[in-house]
Amino acid sequence: MAHTAPRRTAFGTRRTGRRHPLVATLMALPLAALLLVVFDGWETVATQASSVGVMLGR
């Protein structure tokens, strides 16, 4: 098999590993706000926040 150069993404090398919990939270907040507007209810936002909390607790 031929030896090739390591692959790179369009934006450079990609780090592997876990994302910082604050970054994951900041990524989820816009989705929670969108769910609040689209479904017009706190239950959906609470469900989403609970799911994110479970994910961050891993």
PDB file of N, CA and C in Angstrom:
ATOM      1  N   MET A   1       0.846  -1.168   0.000  1.00  0.00           N
ATOM      2  CA  MET A   1       0.000   0.000   0.000  1.00  0.00           C
ATOM      3  C   MET A   1       0.896   1.239   0.000  1.00  0.00           C
ATOM      4  N   ALA A   2       0.511   2.240  -0.754  1.00  0.00           N
ATOM      5  CA  ALA A   2       1.304   3.459  -0.870  1.00  0.00           C
ATOM      6  C   ALA A   2       1.192   4.304   0.392  1.00  0.00           C
ATOM      7  N   HIS A   3       2.289   4.949   0.745  1.00  0.00           N
ATOM      8  CA  HIS A   3       2.286   5.869   1.887  1.00  0.00           C
ATOM      9  C   HIS A   3       1.878   7.245   1.386  1.00  0.00           C
ATOM     10  N   THR A   4       0.854   7.806   2.007  1.00  0.00           N
ATOM     11  CA  THR A   4       0.369   9.127   1.592  1.00  0.00           C
ATOM     12  C   THR A   4       0.486  10.107   2.749  1.00  0.00           C
ATOM     13  N   ALA A   5       0.388  11.360   2.418  1.00  0.00           N
ATOM     14  CA  ALA A   5       0.446  12.401   3.441  1.00  0.00           C
ATOM     15  C   ALA A   5      -0.818  12.348   4.285  1.00  0.00           C
ATOM     16  N   PRO A   6      -0.725  12.784   5.546  1.00  0.00           N
ATOM     17  CA  PRO A   6      -1.928  12.807   6.375  1.00  0.00           C
ATOM     18  C   PRO A   6      -2.993  13.718   5.786  1.00  0.00           C
ATOM     19  N   ARG A   7      -4.224  13.317   5.942  1.00  0.00           N
ATOM     20  CA  ARG A   7      -5.323  14.120   5.411  1.00  0.00           C
ATOM     21  C   ARG A   7      -5.549  15.350   6.270  1.00  0.00           C
ATOM     22  N   ARG A   8      -5.942  16.424   5.616  1.00  0.00           N
ATOM     23  CA  ARG A   8      -6.257  17.665   6.318  1.00  0.00           C
ATOM     24  C   ARG A   8      -7.652  18.101   5.903  1.00  0.00           C
ATOM     25  N   THR A   9      -8.337  18.750   6.815  1.00  0.00           N
ATOM     26  CA  THR A   9      -9.655  19.280   6.487  1.00  0.00           C
ATOM     27  C   THR A   9      -9.469  20.614   5.775  1.00  0.00           C
ATOM     28  N   ALA A  10     -10.563  21.194   5.314  1.00  0.00           N
ATOM     29  CA  ALA A  10     -10.491  22.469   4.604  1.00  0.00           C
ATOM     30  C   ALA A  10      -9.995  23.597   5.510  1.00  0.00           C
ATOM     31  N   PHE A  11     -10.180  23.439   6.811  1.00  0.00           N
ATOM     32  CA  PHE A  11      -9.789  24.487   7.748  1.00  0.00           C
ATOM     33  C   PHE A  11      -8.540  24.123   8.534  1.00  0.00           C
ATOM     34  N   GLY A  12      -7.748  23.218   8.029  1.00  0.00           N
ATOM     35  CA  GLY A  12      -6.534  22.815   8.729  1.00  0.00           C
ATOM     36  C   GLY A  12      -6.742  21.487   9.423  1.00  0.00           C
ATOM     37  N   THR A  13      -5.849  21.191  10.329  1.00  0.00           N
ATOM     38  CA  THR A  13      -5.964  19.919  11.035  1.00  0.00           C
ATOM     39  C   THR A  13      -7.098  19.982  12.039  1.00  0.00           C
ATOM     40  N   ARG A  14      -7.693  18.871  12.268  1.00  0.00           N
ATOM     41  CA  ARG A  14      -8.819  18.794  13.199  1.00  0.00           C
ATOM     42  C   ARG A  14      -8.363  18.088  14.464  1.00  0.00           C
ATOM     43  N   ARG A  15      -8.643  18.709  15.602  1.00  0.00           N
ATOM     44  CA  ARG A  15      -8.278  18.099  16.871  1.00  0.00           C
ATOM     45  C   ARG A  15      -9.260  16.995  17.215  1.00  0.00           C
ATOM     46  N   THR A  16      -8.737  15.974  17.803  1.00  0.00           N
ATOM     47  CA  THR A  16      -9.606  14.907  18.278  1.00  0.00           C
ATOM     48  C   THR A  16      -9.724  15.029  19.784  1.00  0.00           C
ATOM     49  N   GLY A  17     -10.753  14.454  20.324  1.00  0.00           N
ATOM     50  CA  GLY A  17     -10.936  14.514  21.764  1.00  0.00           C
ATOM     51  C   GLY A  17     -12.267  15.131  22.112  1.00  0.00           C
ATOM     52  N   ARG A  18     -12.400  15.465  23.386  1.00  0.00           N
ATOM     53  CA  ARG A  18     -13.673  15.985  23.866  1.00  0.00           C
ATOM     54  C   ARG A  18     -13.724  17.492  23.772  1.00  0.00           C
ATOM     55  N   ARG A  19     -14.917  17.989  23.556  1.00  0.00           N
ATOM     56  CA  ARG A  19     -15.160  19.424  23.482  1.00  0.00           C
ATOM     57  C   ARG A  19     -15.350  19.967  24.897  1.00  0.00           C
ATOM     58  N   HIS A  20     -14.899  21.167  25.146  1.00  0.00           N
ATOM     59  CA  HIS A  20     -15.060  21.785  26.458  1.00  0.00           C
ATOM     60  C   HIS A  20     -16.549  21.952  26.752  1.00  0.00           C
ATOM     61  N   PRO A  21     -16.978  21.699  27.977  1.00  0.00           N
ATOM     62  CA  PRO A  21     -18.414  21.793  28.310  1.00  0.00           C
ATOM     63  C   PRO A  21     -19.011  23.171  28.014  1.00  0.00           C
ATOM     64  N   LEU A  22     -18.241  24.227  28.204  1.00  0.00           N
ATOM     65  CA  LEU A  22     -18.753  25.570  27.919  1.00  0.00           C
ATOM     66  C   LEU A  22     -19.022  25.745  26.428  1.00  0.00           C
ATOM     67  N   VAL A  23     -18.164  25.190  25.598  1.00  0.00           N
ATOM     68  CA  VAL A  23     -18.362  25.274  24.144  1.00  0.00           C
ATOM     69  C   VAL A  23     -19.615  24.507  23.744  1.00  0.00           C
ATOM     70  N   ALA A  24     -19.799  23.329  24.321  1.00  0.00           N
ATOM     71  CA  ALA A  24     -20.994  22.537  24.013  1.00  0.00           C
ATOM     72  C   ALA A  24     -22.259  23.270  24.458  1.00  0.00           C
ATOM     73  N   THR A  25     -22.195  23.928  25.603  1.00  0.00           N
ATOM     74  CA  THR A  25     -23.352  24.683  26.084  1.00  0.00           C
ATOM     75  C   THR A  25     -23.658  25.848  25.154  1.00  0.00           C
ATOM     76  N   LEU A  26     -22.618  26.567  24.742  1.00  0.00           N
ATOM     77  CA  LEU A  26     -22.824  27.701  23.837  1.00  0.00           C
ATOM     78  C   LEU A  26     -23.360  27.255  22.481  1.00  0.00           C
ATOM     79  N   MET A  27     -23.026  26.034  22.073  1.00  0.00           N
ATOM     80  CA  MET A  27     -23.563  25.513  20.821  1.00  0.00           C
ATOM     81  C   MET A  27     -25.033  25.136  20.969  1.00  0.00           C
ATOM     82  N   ALA A  28     -25.441  24.697  22.157  1.00  0.00           N
ATOM     83  CA  ALA A  28     -26.815  24.241  22.359  1.00  0.00           C
ATOM     84  C   ALA A  28     -27.787  25.382  22.645  1.00  0.00           C
ATOM     85  N   LEU A  29     -27.296  26.492  23.179  1.00  0.00           N
ATOM     86  CA  LEU A  29     -28.202  27.586  23.541  1.00  0.00           C
ATOM     87  C   LEU A  29     -28.987  28.157  22.361  1.00  0.00           C
ATOM     88  N   PRO A  30     -28.385  28.388  21.198  1.00  0.00           N
ATOM     89  CA  PRO A  30     -29.195  28.881  20.072  1.00  0.00           C
ATOM     90  C   PRO A  30     -30.307  27.901  19.668  1.00  0.00           C
ATOM     91  N   LEU A  31     -30.018  26.617  19.752  1.00  0.00           N
ATOM     92  CA  LEU A  31     -31.052  25.624  19.436  1.00  0.00           C
ATOM     93  C   LEU A  31     -32.178  25.687  20.452  1.00  0.00           C
ATOM     94  N   ALA A  32     -31.837  25.853  21.712  1.00  0.00           N
ATOM     95  CA  ALA A  32     -32.870  25.966  22.743  1.00  0.00           C
ATOM     96  C   ALA A  32     -33.726  27.205  22.520  1.00  0.00           C
ATOM     97  N   ALA A  33     -33.097  28.312  22.156  1.00  0.00           N
ATOM     98  CA  ALA A  33     -33.863  29.538  21.880  1.00  0.00           C
ATOM     99  C   ALA A  33     -34.763  29.344  20.661  1.00  0.00           C
ATOM    100  N   LEU A  34     -34.262  28.674  19.641  1.00  0.00           N
ATOM    101  CA  LEU A  34     -35.068  28.407  18.448  1.00  0.00           C
ATOM    102  C   LEU A  34     -36.272  27.531  18.792  1.00  0.00           C
ATOM    103  N   LEU A  35     -36.059  26.516  19.612  1.00  0.00           N
ATOM    104  CA  LEU A  35     -37.176  25.658  20.022  1.00  0.00           C
ATOM    105  C   LEU A  35     -38.214  26.444  20.808  1.00  0.00           C
ATOM    106  N   LEU A  36     -37.761  27.374  21.624  1.00  0.00           N
ATOM    107  CA  LEU A  36     -38.693  28.203  22.390  1.00  0.00           C
ATOM    108  C   LEU A  36     -39.577  29.018  21.456  1.00  0.00           C
ATOM    109  N   VAL A  37     -38.983  29.583  20.407  1.00  0.00           N
ATOM    110  CA  VAL A  37     -39.747  30.414  19.472  1.00  0.00           C
ATOM    111  C   VAL A  37     -40.660  29.553  18.594  1.00  0.00           C
ATOM    112  N   VAL A  38     -40.123  28.467  18.067  1.00  0.00           N
ATOM    113  CA  VAL A  38     -40.890  27.637  17.121  1.00  0.00           C
ATOM    114  C   VAL A  38     -42.051  26.930  17.809  1.00  0.00           C
ATOM    115  N   PHE A  39     -41.797  26.320  18.966  1.00  0.00           N
ATOM    116  CA  PHE A  39     -42.829  25.538  19.627  1.00  0.00           C
ATOM    117  C   PHE A  39     -43.561  26.324  20.705  1.00  0.00           C
ATOM    118  N   ASP A  40     -43.108  27.528  20.971  1.00  0.00           N
ATOM    119  CA  ASP A  40     -43.782  28.436  21.901  1.00  0.00           C
ATOM    120  C   ASP A  40     -44.106  27.771  23.233  1.00  0.00           C
ATOM    121  N   GLY A  41     -43.083  27.197  23.838  1.00  0.00           N
ATOM    122  CA  GLY A  41     -43.314  26.562  25.124  1.00  0.00           C
ATOM    123  C   GLY A  41     -42.041  26.294  25.875  1.00  0.00           C
ATOM    124  N   TRP A  42     -42.137  26.351  27.205  1.00  0.00           N
ATOM    125  CA  TRP A  42     -40.983  26.104  28.045  1.00  0.00           C
ATOM    126  C   TRP A  42     -40.676  24.622  28.177  1.00  0.00           C
ATOM    127  N   GLU A  43     -41.663  23.745  27.927  1.00  0.00           N
ATOM    128  CA  GLU A  43     -41.413  22.315  28.065  1.00  0.00           C
ATOM    129  C   GLU A  43     -40.339  21.842  27.097  1.00  0.00           C
ATOM    130  N   THR A  44     -40.396  22.350  25.883  1.00  0.00           N
ATOM    131  CA  THR A  44     -39.409  21.958  24.878  1.00  0.00           C
ATOM    132  C   THR A  44     -38.021  22.440  25.270  1.00  0.00           C
ATOM    133  N   VAL A  45     -37.953  23.675  25.749  1.00  0.00           N
ATOM    134  CA  VAL A  45     -36.661  24.219  26.159  1.00  0.00           C
ATOM    135  C   VAL A  45     -36.126  23.443  27.361  1.00  0.00           C
ATOM    136  N   ALA A  46     -36.996  23.102  28.290  1.00  0.00           N
ATOM    137  CA  ALA A  46     -36.573  22.341  29.458  1.00  0.00           C
ATOM    138  C   ALA A  46     -36.078  20.952  29.056  1.00  0.00           C
ATOM    139  N   THR A  47     -36.739  20.334  28.113  1.00  0.00           N
ATOM    140  CA  THR A  47     -36.316  19.020  27.626  1.00  0.00           C
ATOM    141  C   THR A  47     -34.946  19.109  26.974  1.00  0.00           C
ATOM    142  N   GLN A  48     -34.755  20.120  26.136  1.00  0.00           N
ATOM    143  CA  GLN A  48     -33.466  20.299  25.470  1.00  0.00           C
ATOM    144  C   GLN A  48     -32.365  20.570  26.486  1.00  0.00           C
ATOM    145  N   ALA A  49     -32.641  21.430  27.458  1.00  0.00           N
ATOM    146  CA  ALA A  49     -31.638  21.741  28.478  1.00  0.00           C
ATOM    147  C   ALA A  49     -31.301  20.502  29.299  1.00  0.00           C
ATOM    148  N   SER A  50     -32.295  19.688  29.574  1.00  0.00           N
ATOM    149  CA  SER A  50     -32.058  18.456  30.311  1.00  0.00           C
ATOM    150  C   SER A  50     -31.167  17.510  29.511  1.00  0.00           C
ATOM    151  N   SER A  51     -31.411  17.410  28.220  1.00  0.00           N
ATOM    152  CA  SER A  51     -30.594  16.548  27.368  1.00  0.00           C
ATOM    153  C   SER A  51     -29.148  17.028  27.330  1.00  0.00           C
ATOM    154  N   VAL A  52     -28.968  18.331  27.233  1.00  0.00           N
ATOM    155  CA  VAL A  52     -27.615  18.888  27.223  1.00  0.00           C
ATOM    156  C   VAL A  52     -26.942  18.630  28.565  1.00  0.00           C
ATOM    157  N   GLY A  53     -27.693  18.775  29.651  1.00  0.00           N
ATOM    158  CA  GLY A  53     -27.134  18.512  30.967  1.00  0.00           C
ATOM    159  C   GLY A  53     -26.664  17.073  31.123  1.00  0.00           C
ATOM    160  N   VAL A  54     -27.434  16.146  30.587  1.00  0.00           N
ATOM    161  CA  VAL A  54     -27.056  14.740  30.628  1.00  0.00           C
ATOM    162  C   VAL A  54     -25.799  14.518  29.788  1.00  0.00           C
ATOM    163  N   MET A  55     -25.743  15.152  28.628  1.00  0.00           N
ATOM    164  CA  MET A  55     -24.581  15.006  27.760  1.00  0.00           C
ATOM    165  C   MET A  55     -23.330  15.570  28.424  1.00  0.00           C
ATOM    166  N   LEU A  56     -23.440  16.698  29.107  1.00  0.00           N
ATOM    167  CA  LEU A  56     -22.281  17.303  29.755  1.00  0.00           C
ATOM    168  C   LEU A  56     -21.860  16.531  30.989  1.00  0.00           C
ATOM    169  N   GLY A  57     -22.775  15.766  31.549  1.00  0.00           N
ATOM    170  CA  GLY A  57     -22.462  15.006  32.746  1.00  0.00           C
ATOM    171  C   GLY A  57     -21.660  13.748  32.478  1.00  0.00           C
ATOM    172  N   ARG A  58     -21.473  13.395  31.232  1.00  0.00           N
ATOM    173  CA  ARG A  58     -20.734  12.172  30.900  1.00  0.00           C
ATOM    174  C   ARG A  58     -19.291  12.283  31.279  1.00  0.00           C
TER     175      ARG A  58
END
